[in-house]
């Protein structure tokens, strides 16, 4: 069963992202704007679908090529998952009051640190990636799409 877990996860993700896209179509648009409330959920659904398609494809390849003993290559990290969920909750709680840029920088930096092995962590590199990514996302949403993002204390 372990060798099928990526395949099962990928298929569930494909179904979830397709449902998200279908539900976002029902949101509707205001006639006066080119980018409506349905735009971001559609983009997220398409990106999720593409990522889960990759997971599904890799799951099929893994199921064909590996035995059940080799399928579990990484030990489960329940503590890391719990910390990420807690970080997501804190991120959402403080997004409006502190602002997108600060909270996103902190969250993304923490996520990069949690997803990297201790011996491979490069904090300067993570900080640079975090700042560039958050400022790029902020610029794209504010200037290109015209979607307001919480500024918070800035």
N, C-alpha and C. Protein backbone atom coordinates (compact mmCIF):
# COMPACT_ATOMS: atom_id res chain seq x y z
N UNK A 1 0.82 -1.20 0.00
CA UNK A 1 0.00 0.00 0.00
C UNK A 1 0.86 1.26 0.00
N UNK A 2 2.06 1.22 0.63
CA UNK A 2 2.93 2.38 0.68
C UNK A 2 3.35 2.85 -0.70
N UNK A 3 3.52 1.91 -1.62
CA UNK A 3 3.98 2.33 -2.94
C UNK A 3 2.89 3.04 -3.74
N UNK A 4 1.65 3.01 -3.28
CA UNK A 4 0.56 3.69 -3.97
C UNK A 4 0.17 5.02 -3.32
N UNK A 5 0.85 5.43 -2.26
CA UNK A 5 0.40 6.61 -1.53
C UNK A 5 0.53 7.90 -2.37
N UNK A 6 1.57 8.06 -3.17
CA UNK A 6 1.67 9.24 -4.03
C UNK A 6 0.58 9.23 -5.10
N UNK A 7 0.30 8.07 -5.62
CA UNK A 7 -0.76 7.95 -6.63
C UNK A 7 -2.12 8.32 -6.02
N UNK A 8 -2.40 7.82 -4.85
CA UNK A 8 -3.68 8.11 -4.19
C UNK A 8 -3.76 9.59 -3.83
N UNK A 9 -2.68 10.13 -3.29
CA UNK A 9 -2.65 11.55 -2.93
C UNK A 9 -2.82 12.42 -4.18
N UNK A 10 -2.17 12.06 -5.26
CA UNK A 10 -2.28 12.81 -6.50
C UNK A 10 -3.69 12.81 -7.06
N UNK A 11 -4.34 11.65 -7.04
CA UNK A 11 -5.70 11.57 -7.55
C UNK A 11 -6.66 12.38 -6.68
N UNK A 12 -6.50 12.28 -5.36
CA UNK A 12 -7.35 13.09 -4.46
C UNK A 12 -7.11 14.58 -4.70
N UNK A 13 -5.88 14.97 -4.90
CA UNK A 13 -5.56 16.37 -5.19
C UNK A 13 -6.14 16.84 -6.51
N UNK A 14 -6.10 15.98 -7.52
CA UNK A 14 -6.70 16.33 -8.81
C UNK A 14 -8.20 16.57 -8.66
N UNK A 15 -8.86 15.70 -7.91
CA UNK A 15 -10.30 15.86 -7.69
C UNK A 15 -10.58 17.15 -6.92
N UNK A 16 -9.79 17.42 -5.86
CA UNK A 16 -9.97 18.62 -5.06
C UNK A 16 -9.75 19.88 -5.89
N UNK A 17 -8.68 19.92 -6.69
CA UNK A 17 -8.40 21.11 -7.48
C UNK A 17 -9.44 21.31 -8.58
N UNK A 18 -9.96 20.24 -9.16
CA UNK A 18 -11.03 20.37 -10.15
C UNK A 18 -12.30 20.91 -9.49
N UNK A 19 -12.60 20.44 -8.28
CA UNK A 19 -13.77 20.95 -7.56
C UNK A 19 -13.58 22.42 -7.22
N UNK A 20 -12.37 22.81 -6.82
CA UNK A 20 -12.09 24.21 -6.52
C UNK A 20 -12.30 25.08 -7.75
N UNK A 21 -11.86 24.61 -8.90
CA UNK A 21 -12.05 25.38 -10.13
C UNK A 21 -13.53 25.51 -10.46
N UNK A 22 -14.27 24.41 -10.33
CA UNK A 22 -15.71 24.45 -10.62
C UNK A 22 -16.43 25.43 -9.68
N UNK A 23 -16.06 25.42 -8.42
CA UNK A 23 -16.69 26.32 -7.46
C UNK A 23 -16.29 27.78 -7.73
N UNK A 24 -15.06 28.01 -8.19
CA UNK A 24 -14.64 29.38 -8.46
C UNK A 24 -15.34 29.95 -9.69
N UNK A 25 -15.77 29.11 -10.60
CA UNK A 25 -16.53 29.58 -11.77
C UNK A 25 -17.86 30.17 -11.32
N UNK A 26 -18.41 29.65 -10.23
CA UNK A 26 -19.70 30.10 -9.74
C UNK A 26 -19.63 31.43 -8.98
N UNK A 27 -18.44 31.93 -8.69
CA UNK A 27 -18.30 33.17 -7.93
C UNK A 27 -18.84 34.35 -8.73
N UNK A 28 -18.53 34.40 -10.01
CA UNK A 28 -19.01 35.50 -10.85
C UNK A 28 -18.09 36.70 -10.81
N UNK A 29 -18.29 37.58 -11.78
CA UNK A 29 -17.45 38.77 -11.91
C UNK A 29 -18.31 40.02 -11.92
N UNK A 30 -17.74 41.12 -11.43
CA UNK A 30 -18.37 42.41 -11.62
C UNK A 30 -18.08 42.85 -13.04
N UNK A 31 -19.03 43.52 -13.65
CA UNK A 31 -18.85 43.93 -15.05
C UNK A 31 -17.82 45.03 -15.23
N UNK A 32 -17.55 45.82 -14.18
CA UNK A 32 -16.66 46.96 -14.32
C UNK A 32 -15.18 46.61 -14.21
N UNK A 33 -14.85 45.42 -13.78
CA UNK A 33 -13.44 45.08 -13.62
C UNK A 33 -13.06 43.92 -14.53
N UNK A 34 -11.80 43.94 -14.96
CA UNK A 34 -11.30 42.84 -15.79
C UNK A 34 -10.95 41.63 -14.94
N UNK A 35 -10.50 41.87 -13.72
CA UNK A 35 -10.13 40.80 -12.82
C UNK A 35 -11.11 40.82 -11.65
N UNK A 36 -11.87 39.75 -11.52
CA UNK A 36 -12.88 39.69 -10.47
C UNK A 36 -12.47 38.79 -9.32
N UNK A 37 -13.43 38.54 -8.46
CA UNK A 37 -13.18 37.71 -7.29
C UNK A 37 -12.91 36.26 -7.66
N UNK A 38 -13.29 35.86 -8.85
CA UNK A 38 -13.08 34.48 -9.27
C UNK A 38 -11.69 34.23 -9.85
N UNK A 39 -10.92 35.29 -10.08
CA UNK A 39 -9.64 35.15 -10.77
C UNK A 39 -8.62 34.35 -9.96
N UNK A 40 -8.36 34.76 -8.73
CA UNK A 40 -7.33 34.09 -7.92
C UNK A 40 -7.68 32.64 -7.63
N UNK A 41 -8.93 32.30 -7.24
CA UNK A 41 -9.22 30.88 -7.03
C UNK A 41 -9.03 30.03 -8.28
N UNK A 42 -9.32 30.60 -9.44
CA UNK A 42 -9.11 29.85 -10.69
C UNK A 42 -7.62 29.61 -10.92
N UNK A 43 -6.80 30.63 -10.70
CA UNK A 43 -5.35 30.49 -10.87
C UNK A 43 -4.81 29.44 -9.91
N UNK A 44 -5.22 29.52 -8.65
CA UNK A 44 -4.76 28.56 -7.64
C UNK A 44 -5.18 27.14 -8.02
N UNK A 45 -6.42 26.99 -8.50
CA UNK A 45 -6.92 25.67 -8.89
C UNK A 45 -6.12 25.09 -10.05
N UNK A 46 -5.79 25.91 -11.03
CA UNK A 46 -5.02 25.43 -12.18
C UNK A 46 -3.61 25.03 -11.75
N UNK A 47 -2.97 25.85 -10.91
CA UNK A 47 -1.62 25.52 -10.43
C UNK A 47 -1.66 24.23 -9.60
N UNK A 48 -2.66 24.11 -8.72
CA UNK A 48 -2.80 22.90 -7.92
C UNK A 48 -3.01 21.67 -8.81
N UNK A 49 -3.84 21.82 -9.83
CA UNK A 49 -4.10 20.70 -10.73
C UNK A 49 -2.81 20.26 -11.41
N UNK A 50 -2.01 21.23 -11.87
CA UNK A 50 -0.75 20.89 -12.53
C UNK A 50 0.21 20.18 -11.56
N UNK A 51 0.30 20.68 -10.34
CA UNK A 51 1.20 20.05 -9.36
C UNK A 51 0.73 18.65 -9.00
N UNK A 52 -0.57 18.47 -8.80
CA UNK A 52 -1.08 17.14 -8.47
C UNK A 52 -1.00 16.19 -9.66
N UNK A 53 -1.04 16.72 -10.87
CA UNK A 53 -0.84 15.88 -12.04
C UNK A 53 0.59 15.32 -12.04
N UNK A 54 1.55 16.16 -11.65
CA UNK A 54 2.94 15.69 -11.55
C UNK A 54 3.06 14.62 -10.47
N UNK A 55 2.42 14.86 -9.30
CA UNK A 55 2.46 13.88 -8.21
C UNK A 55 1.83 12.56 -8.67
N UNK A 56 0.72 12.64 -9.39
CA UNK A 56 0.04 11.44 -9.88
C UNK A 56 0.93 10.70 -10.87
N UNK A 57 1.55 11.44 -11.78
CA UNK A 57 2.44 10.81 -12.76
C UNK A 57 3.60 10.11 -12.08
N UNK A 58 4.20 10.78 -11.11
CA UNK A 58 5.31 10.16 -10.36
C UNK A 58 4.82 8.97 -9.55
N UNK A 59 3.61 9.05 -9.03
CA UNK A 59 3.03 7.93 -8.28
C UNK A 59 2.84 6.71 -9.15
N UNK A 60 2.42 6.92 -10.39
CA UNK A 60 2.26 5.80 -11.33
C UNK A 60 3.63 5.18 -11.61
N UNK A 61 4.63 6.02 -11.86
CA UNK A 61 5.97 5.50 -12.13
C UNK A 61 6.52 4.76 -10.92
N UNK A 62 6.29 5.30 -9.72
CA UNK A 62 6.78 4.68 -8.50
C UNK A 62 6.09 3.35 -8.25
N UNK A 63 4.81 3.28 -8.48
CA UNK A 63 4.06 2.04 -8.25
C UNK A 63 4.53 0.94 -9.20
N UNK A 64 4.92 1.32 -10.40
CA UNK A 64 5.39 0.33 -11.37
C UNK A 64 6.81 -0.15 -11.07
N UNK A 65 7.65 0.75 -10.53
CA UNK A 65 9.06 0.42 -10.43
C UNK A 65 9.53 -0.01 -9.05
N UNK A 66 8.80 0.31 -8.01
CA UNK A 66 9.30 0.03 -6.67
C UNK A 66 8.51 -1.07 -5.98
N UNK A 67 9.19 -1.67 -5.06
CA UNK A 67 8.50 -2.62 -4.19
C UNK A 67 7.99 -1.88 -2.97
N UNK A 68 7.16 -2.49 -2.20
CA UNK A 68 6.55 -1.84 -1.04
C UNK A 68 7.60 -1.43 0.00
N UNK A 69 8.70 -2.15 0.12
CA UNK A 69 9.71 -1.83 1.11
C UNK A 69 10.45 -0.55 0.75
N UNK A 70 10.68 -0.30 -0.53
CA UNK A 70 11.42 0.87 -0.96
C UNK A 70 10.55 2.12 -1.04
N UNK A 71 9.25 1.98 -1.00
CA UNK A 71 8.36 3.12 -1.23
C UNK A 71 8.47 4.18 -0.14
N UNK A 72 8.70 3.80 1.09
CA UNK A 72 8.79 4.75 2.18
C UNK A 72 10.24 5.17 2.36
N UNK A 73 10.65 6.24 1.66
CA UNK A 73 12.04 6.65 1.71
C UNK A 73 12.30 7.73 2.76
N UNK A 74 11.28 8.48 3.16
CA UNK A 74 11.43 9.51 4.17
C UNK A 74 10.59 9.15 5.40
N UNK A 75 11.16 9.31 6.58
CA UNK A 75 10.36 9.05 7.78
C UNK A 75 9.31 10.15 7.94
N UNK A 76 8.16 9.84 8.47
CA UNK A 76 7.13 10.86 8.65
C UNK A 76 7.58 11.93 9.64
N UNK A 77 7.22 13.17 9.34
CA UNK A 77 7.62 14.30 10.17
C UNK A 77 6.36 14.97 10.70
N UNK A 78 5.76 14.37 11.72
CA UNK A 78 4.51 14.88 12.26
C UNK A 78 4.71 16.22 12.96
N UNK A 79 5.84 16.39 13.60
CA UNK A 79 6.12 17.65 14.29
C UNK A 79 6.21 18.80 13.28
N UNK A 80 6.88 18.57 12.17
CA UNK A 80 7.00 19.59 11.14
C UNK A 80 5.66 19.97 10.54
N UNK A 81 4.81 18.97 10.33
CA UNK A 81 3.47 19.23 9.79
C UNK A 81 2.65 20.06 10.78
N UNK A 82 2.73 19.71 12.05
CA UNK A 82 1.99 20.46 13.08
C UNK A 82 2.49 21.91 13.16
N UNK A 83 3.80 22.11 13.08
CA UNK A 83 4.35 23.46 13.12
C UNK A 83 3.90 24.25 11.89
N UNK A 84 3.86 23.64 10.72
CA UNK A 84 3.40 24.33 9.52
C UNK A 84 1.93 24.73 9.62
N UNK A 85 1.09 23.85 10.14
CA UNK A 85 -0.32 24.19 10.32
C UNK A 85 -0.47 25.34 11.31
N UNK A 86 0.28 25.29 12.39
CA UNK A 86 0.24 26.38 13.36
C UNK A 86 0.72 27.69 12.73
N UNK A 87 1.77 27.61 11.92
CA UNK A 87 2.28 28.81 11.23
C UNK A 87 1.25 29.37 10.26
N UNK A 88 0.52 28.49 9.58
CA UNK A 88 -0.52 28.96 8.66
C UNK A 88 -1.63 29.68 9.42
N UNK A 89 -2.01 29.15 10.56
CA UNK A 89 -3.07 29.77 11.37
C UNK A 89 -2.61 31.14 11.87
N UNK A 90 -1.37 31.22 12.36
CA UNK A 90 -0.83 32.49 12.83
C UNK A 90 -0.72 33.48 11.67
N UNK A 91 -0.32 33.01 10.51
CA UNK A 91 -0.21 33.85 9.31
C UNK A 91 -1.55 34.49 8.98
N UNK A 92 -2.59 33.69 8.95
CA UNK A 92 -3.92 34.20 8.62
C UNK A 92 -4.41 35.16 9.70
N UNK A 93 -4.12 34.86 10.96
CA UNK A 93 -4.57 35.72 12.06
C UNK A 93 -3.96 37.12 11.99
N UNK A 94 -2.70 37.22 11.60
CA UNK A 94 -2.00 38.49 11.63
C UNK A 94 -1.85 39.16 10.26
N UNK A 95 -2.37 38.54 9.22
CA UNK A 95 -2.20 39.09 7.86
C UNK A 95 -2.76 40.49 7.74
N UNK A 96 -3.95 40.71 8.22
CA UNK A 96 -4.59 42.02 8.06
C UNK A 96 -3.96 43.08 8.96
N UNK A 97 -3.65 42.72 10.19
CA UNK A 97 -3.13 43.73 11.12
C UNK A 97 -1.66 44.07 10.88
N UNK A 98 -0.84 43.09 10.62
CA UNK A 98 0.59 43.34 10.39
C UNK A 98 0.87 43.66 8.93
N UNK A 99 0.16 42.99 8.03
CA UNK A 99 0.34 43.26 6.61
C UNK A 99 0.91 42.08 5.86
N UNK A 100 0.70 42.11 4.55
CA UNK A 100 1.11 41.01 3.69
C UNK A 100 2.61 40.83 3.65
N UNK A 101 3.34 41.92 3.48
CA UNK A 101 4.78 41.81 3.26
C UNK A 101 5.48 41.20 4.47
N UNK A 102 5.22 41.72 5.65
CA UNK A 102 5.91 41.23 6.85
C UNK A 102 5.50 39.79 7.17
N UNK A 103 4.19 39.53 7.21
CA UNK A 103 3.74 38.18 7.57
C UNK A 103 4.15 37.14 6.54
N UNK A 104 4.12 37.51 5.28
CA UNK A 104 4.51 36.56 4.23
C UNK A 104 6.00 36.27 4.28
N UNK A 105 6.80 37.29 4.56
CA UNK A 105 8.25 37.07 4.69
C UNK A 105 8.56 36.11 5.83
N UNK A 106 7.93 36.34 6.97
CA UNK A 106 8.16 35.47 8.13
C UNK A 106 7.69 34.05 7.83
N UNK A 107 6.49 33.93 7.27
CA UNK A 107 5.94 32.60 6.99
C UNK A 107 6.77 31.85 5.96
N UNK A 108 7.14 32.50 4.87
CA UNK A 108 7.90 31.83 3.83
C UNK A 108 9.29 31.42 4.33
N UNK A 109 9.94 32.30 5.10
CA UNK A 109 11.24 31.97 5.66
C UNK A 109 11.13 30.75 6.58
N UNK A 110 10.12 30.73 7.44
CA UNK A 110 9.91 29.59 8.34
C UNK A 110 9.63 28.31 7.54
N UNK A 111 8.82 28.42 6.51
CA UNK A 111 8.51 27.25 5.69
C UNK A 111 9.76 26.70 5.01
N UNK A 112 10.59 27.57 4.48
CA UNK A 112 11.83 27.11 3.85
C UNK A 112 12.74 26.42 4.87
N UNK A 113 12.81 26.98 6.06
CA UNK A 113 13.65 26.37 7.10
C UNK A 113 13.11 25.01 7.53
N UNK A 114 11.80 24.91 7.65
CA UNK A 114 11.20 23.64 8.08
C UNK A 114 11.32 22.54 7.03
N UNK A 115 11.33 22.92 5.77
CA UNK A 115 11.35 21.92 4.70
C UNK A 115 12.75 21.55 4.24
N UNK A 116 13.75 22.11 4.87
CA UNK A 116 15.13 21.83 4.50
C UNK A 116 15.83 21.13 5.66
N UNK A 117 16.67 20.17 5.33
CA UNK A 117 17.45 19.48 6.36
C UNK A 117 18.35 20.49 7.07
N UNK A 118 18.60 20.25 8.35
CA UNK A 118 19.39 21.19 9.15
C UNK A 118 20.77 21.44 8.55
N UNK A 119 21.40 20.42 8.06
CA UNK A 119 22.75 20.59 7.52
C UNK A 119 22.76 21.29 6.16
N UNK A 120 21.62 21.42 5.50
CA UNK A 120 21.56 22.07 4.19
C UNK A 120 20.96 23.48 4.25
N UNK A 121 20.63 23.97 5.42
CA UNK A 121 20.00 25.29 5.55
C UNK A 121 21.02 26.39 5.28
N UNK A 122 20.57 27.36 4.48
CA UNK A 122 21.36 28.54 4.17
C UNK A 122 20.46 29.75 4.43
N UNK A 123 20.56 30.33 5.62
CA UNK A 123 19.63 31.37 6.06
C UNK A 123 19.71 32.63 5.20
N UNK A 124 20.89 32.99 4.75
CA UNK A 124 21.02 34.18 3.90
C UNK A 124 20.31 33.95 2.57
N UNK A 125 20.51 32.79 1.99
CA UNK A 125 19.86 32.45 0.73
C UNK A 125 18.34 32.43 0.92
N UNK A 126 17.86 31.85 2.01
CA UNK A 126 16.43 31.81 2.28
C UNK A 126 15.86 33.21 2.44
N UNK A 127 16.59 34.09 3.12
CA UNK A 127 16.12 35.46 3.32
C UNK A 127 16.00 36.20 1.98
N UNK A 128 17.00 36.03 1.13
CA UNK A 128 16.98 36.69 -0.18
C UNK A 128 15.81 36.16 -1.02
N UNK A 129 15.65 34.85 -1.07
CA UNK A 129 14.55 34.25 -1.82
C UNK A 129 13.21 34.74 -1.29
N UNK A 130 13.07 34.78 0.03
CA UNK A 130 11.82 35.21 0.65
C UNK A 130 11.48 36.65 0.29
N UNK A 131 12.43 37.53 0.44
CA UNK A 131 12.17 38.95 0.18
C UNK A 131 11.84 39.18 -1.29
N UNK A 132 12.60 38.59 -2.19
CA UNK A 132 12.34 38.76 -3.62
C UNK A 132 10.98 38.19 -4.00
N UNK A 133 10.65 36.99 -3.52
CA UNK A 133 9.38 36.36 -3.87
C UNK A 133 8.19 37.16 -3.34
N UNK A 134 8.25 37.59 -2.10
CA UNK A 134 7.13 38.34 -1.51
C UNK A 134 6.95 39.69 -2.20
N UNK A 135 8.03 40.41 -2.47
CA UNK A 135 7.90 41.69 -3.16
C UNK A 135 7.40 41.51 -4.59
N UNK A 136 7.83 40.46 -5.25
CA UNK A 136 7.34 40.18 -6.60
C UNK A 136 5.84 39.89 -6.59
N UNK A 137 5.41 39.04 -5.67
CA UNK A 137 3.98 38.72 -5.57
C UNK A 137 3.19 39.97 -5.23
N UNK A 138 3.68 40.78 -4.30
CA UNK A 138 3.00 42.02 -3.93
C UNK A 138 2.86 42.94 -5.14
N UNK A 139 3.95 43.12 -5.88
CA UNK A 139 3.92 43.99 -7.06
C UNK A 139 2.94 43.47 -8.11
N UNK A 140 2.97 42.18 -8.38
CA UNK A 140 2.09 41.61 -9.41
C UNK A 140 0.62 41.81 -9.04
N UNK A 141 0.27 41.53 -7.80
CA UNK A 141 -1.13 41.66 -7.41
C UNK A 141 -1.57 43.12 -7.32
N UNK A 142 -0.72 43.99 -6.83
CA UNK A 142 -1.10 45.39 -6.68
C UNK A 142 -1.08 46.14 -8.01
N UNK A 143 -0.02 45.97 -8.78
CA UNK A 143 0.15 46.78 -9.98
C UNK A 143 -0.42 46.14 -11.25
N UNK A 144 -0.24 44.85 -11.40
CA UNK A 144 -0.68 44.19 -12.63
C UNK A 144 -2.17 43.83 -12.56
N UNK A 145 -2.56 43.15 -11.48
CA UNK A 145 -3.95 42.71 -11.36
C UNK A 145 -4.85 43.74 -10.70
N UNK A 146 -4.28 44.70 -10.01
CA UNK A 146 -5.08 45.71 -9.33
C UNK A 146 -5.84 45.18 -8.13
N UNK A 147 -5.32 44.11 -7.53
CA UNK A 147 -5.96 43.50 -6.36
C UNK A 147 -5.27 44.05 -5.12
N UNK A 148 -6.04 44.61 -4.22
CA UNK A 148 -5.47 45.17 -3.01
C UNK A 148 -5.09 44.08 -2.03
N UNK A 149 -3.91 44.25 -1.46
CA UNK A 149 -3.38 43.30 -0.48
C UNK A 149 -3.21 44.07 0.83
N UNK A 150 -3.50 43.45 1.98
CA UNK A 150 -3.39 44.17 3.26
C UNK A 150 -2.00 44.74 3.48
N UNK A 151 -1.94 46.05 3.73
CA UNK A 151 -0.65 46.72 3.98
C UNK A 151 -0.26 46.64 5.44
N UNK A 152 -1.22 46.58 6.33
CA UNK A 152 -0.93 46.47 7.75
C UNK A 152 -0.22 47.68 8.30
N UNK A 153 0.86 47.46 9.05
CA UNK A 153 1.56 48.55 9.72
C UNK A 153 2.51 49.32 8.79
N UNK A 154 2.71 48.87 7.58
CA UNK A 154 3.60 49.58 6.65
C UNK A 154 2.91 50.77 6.02
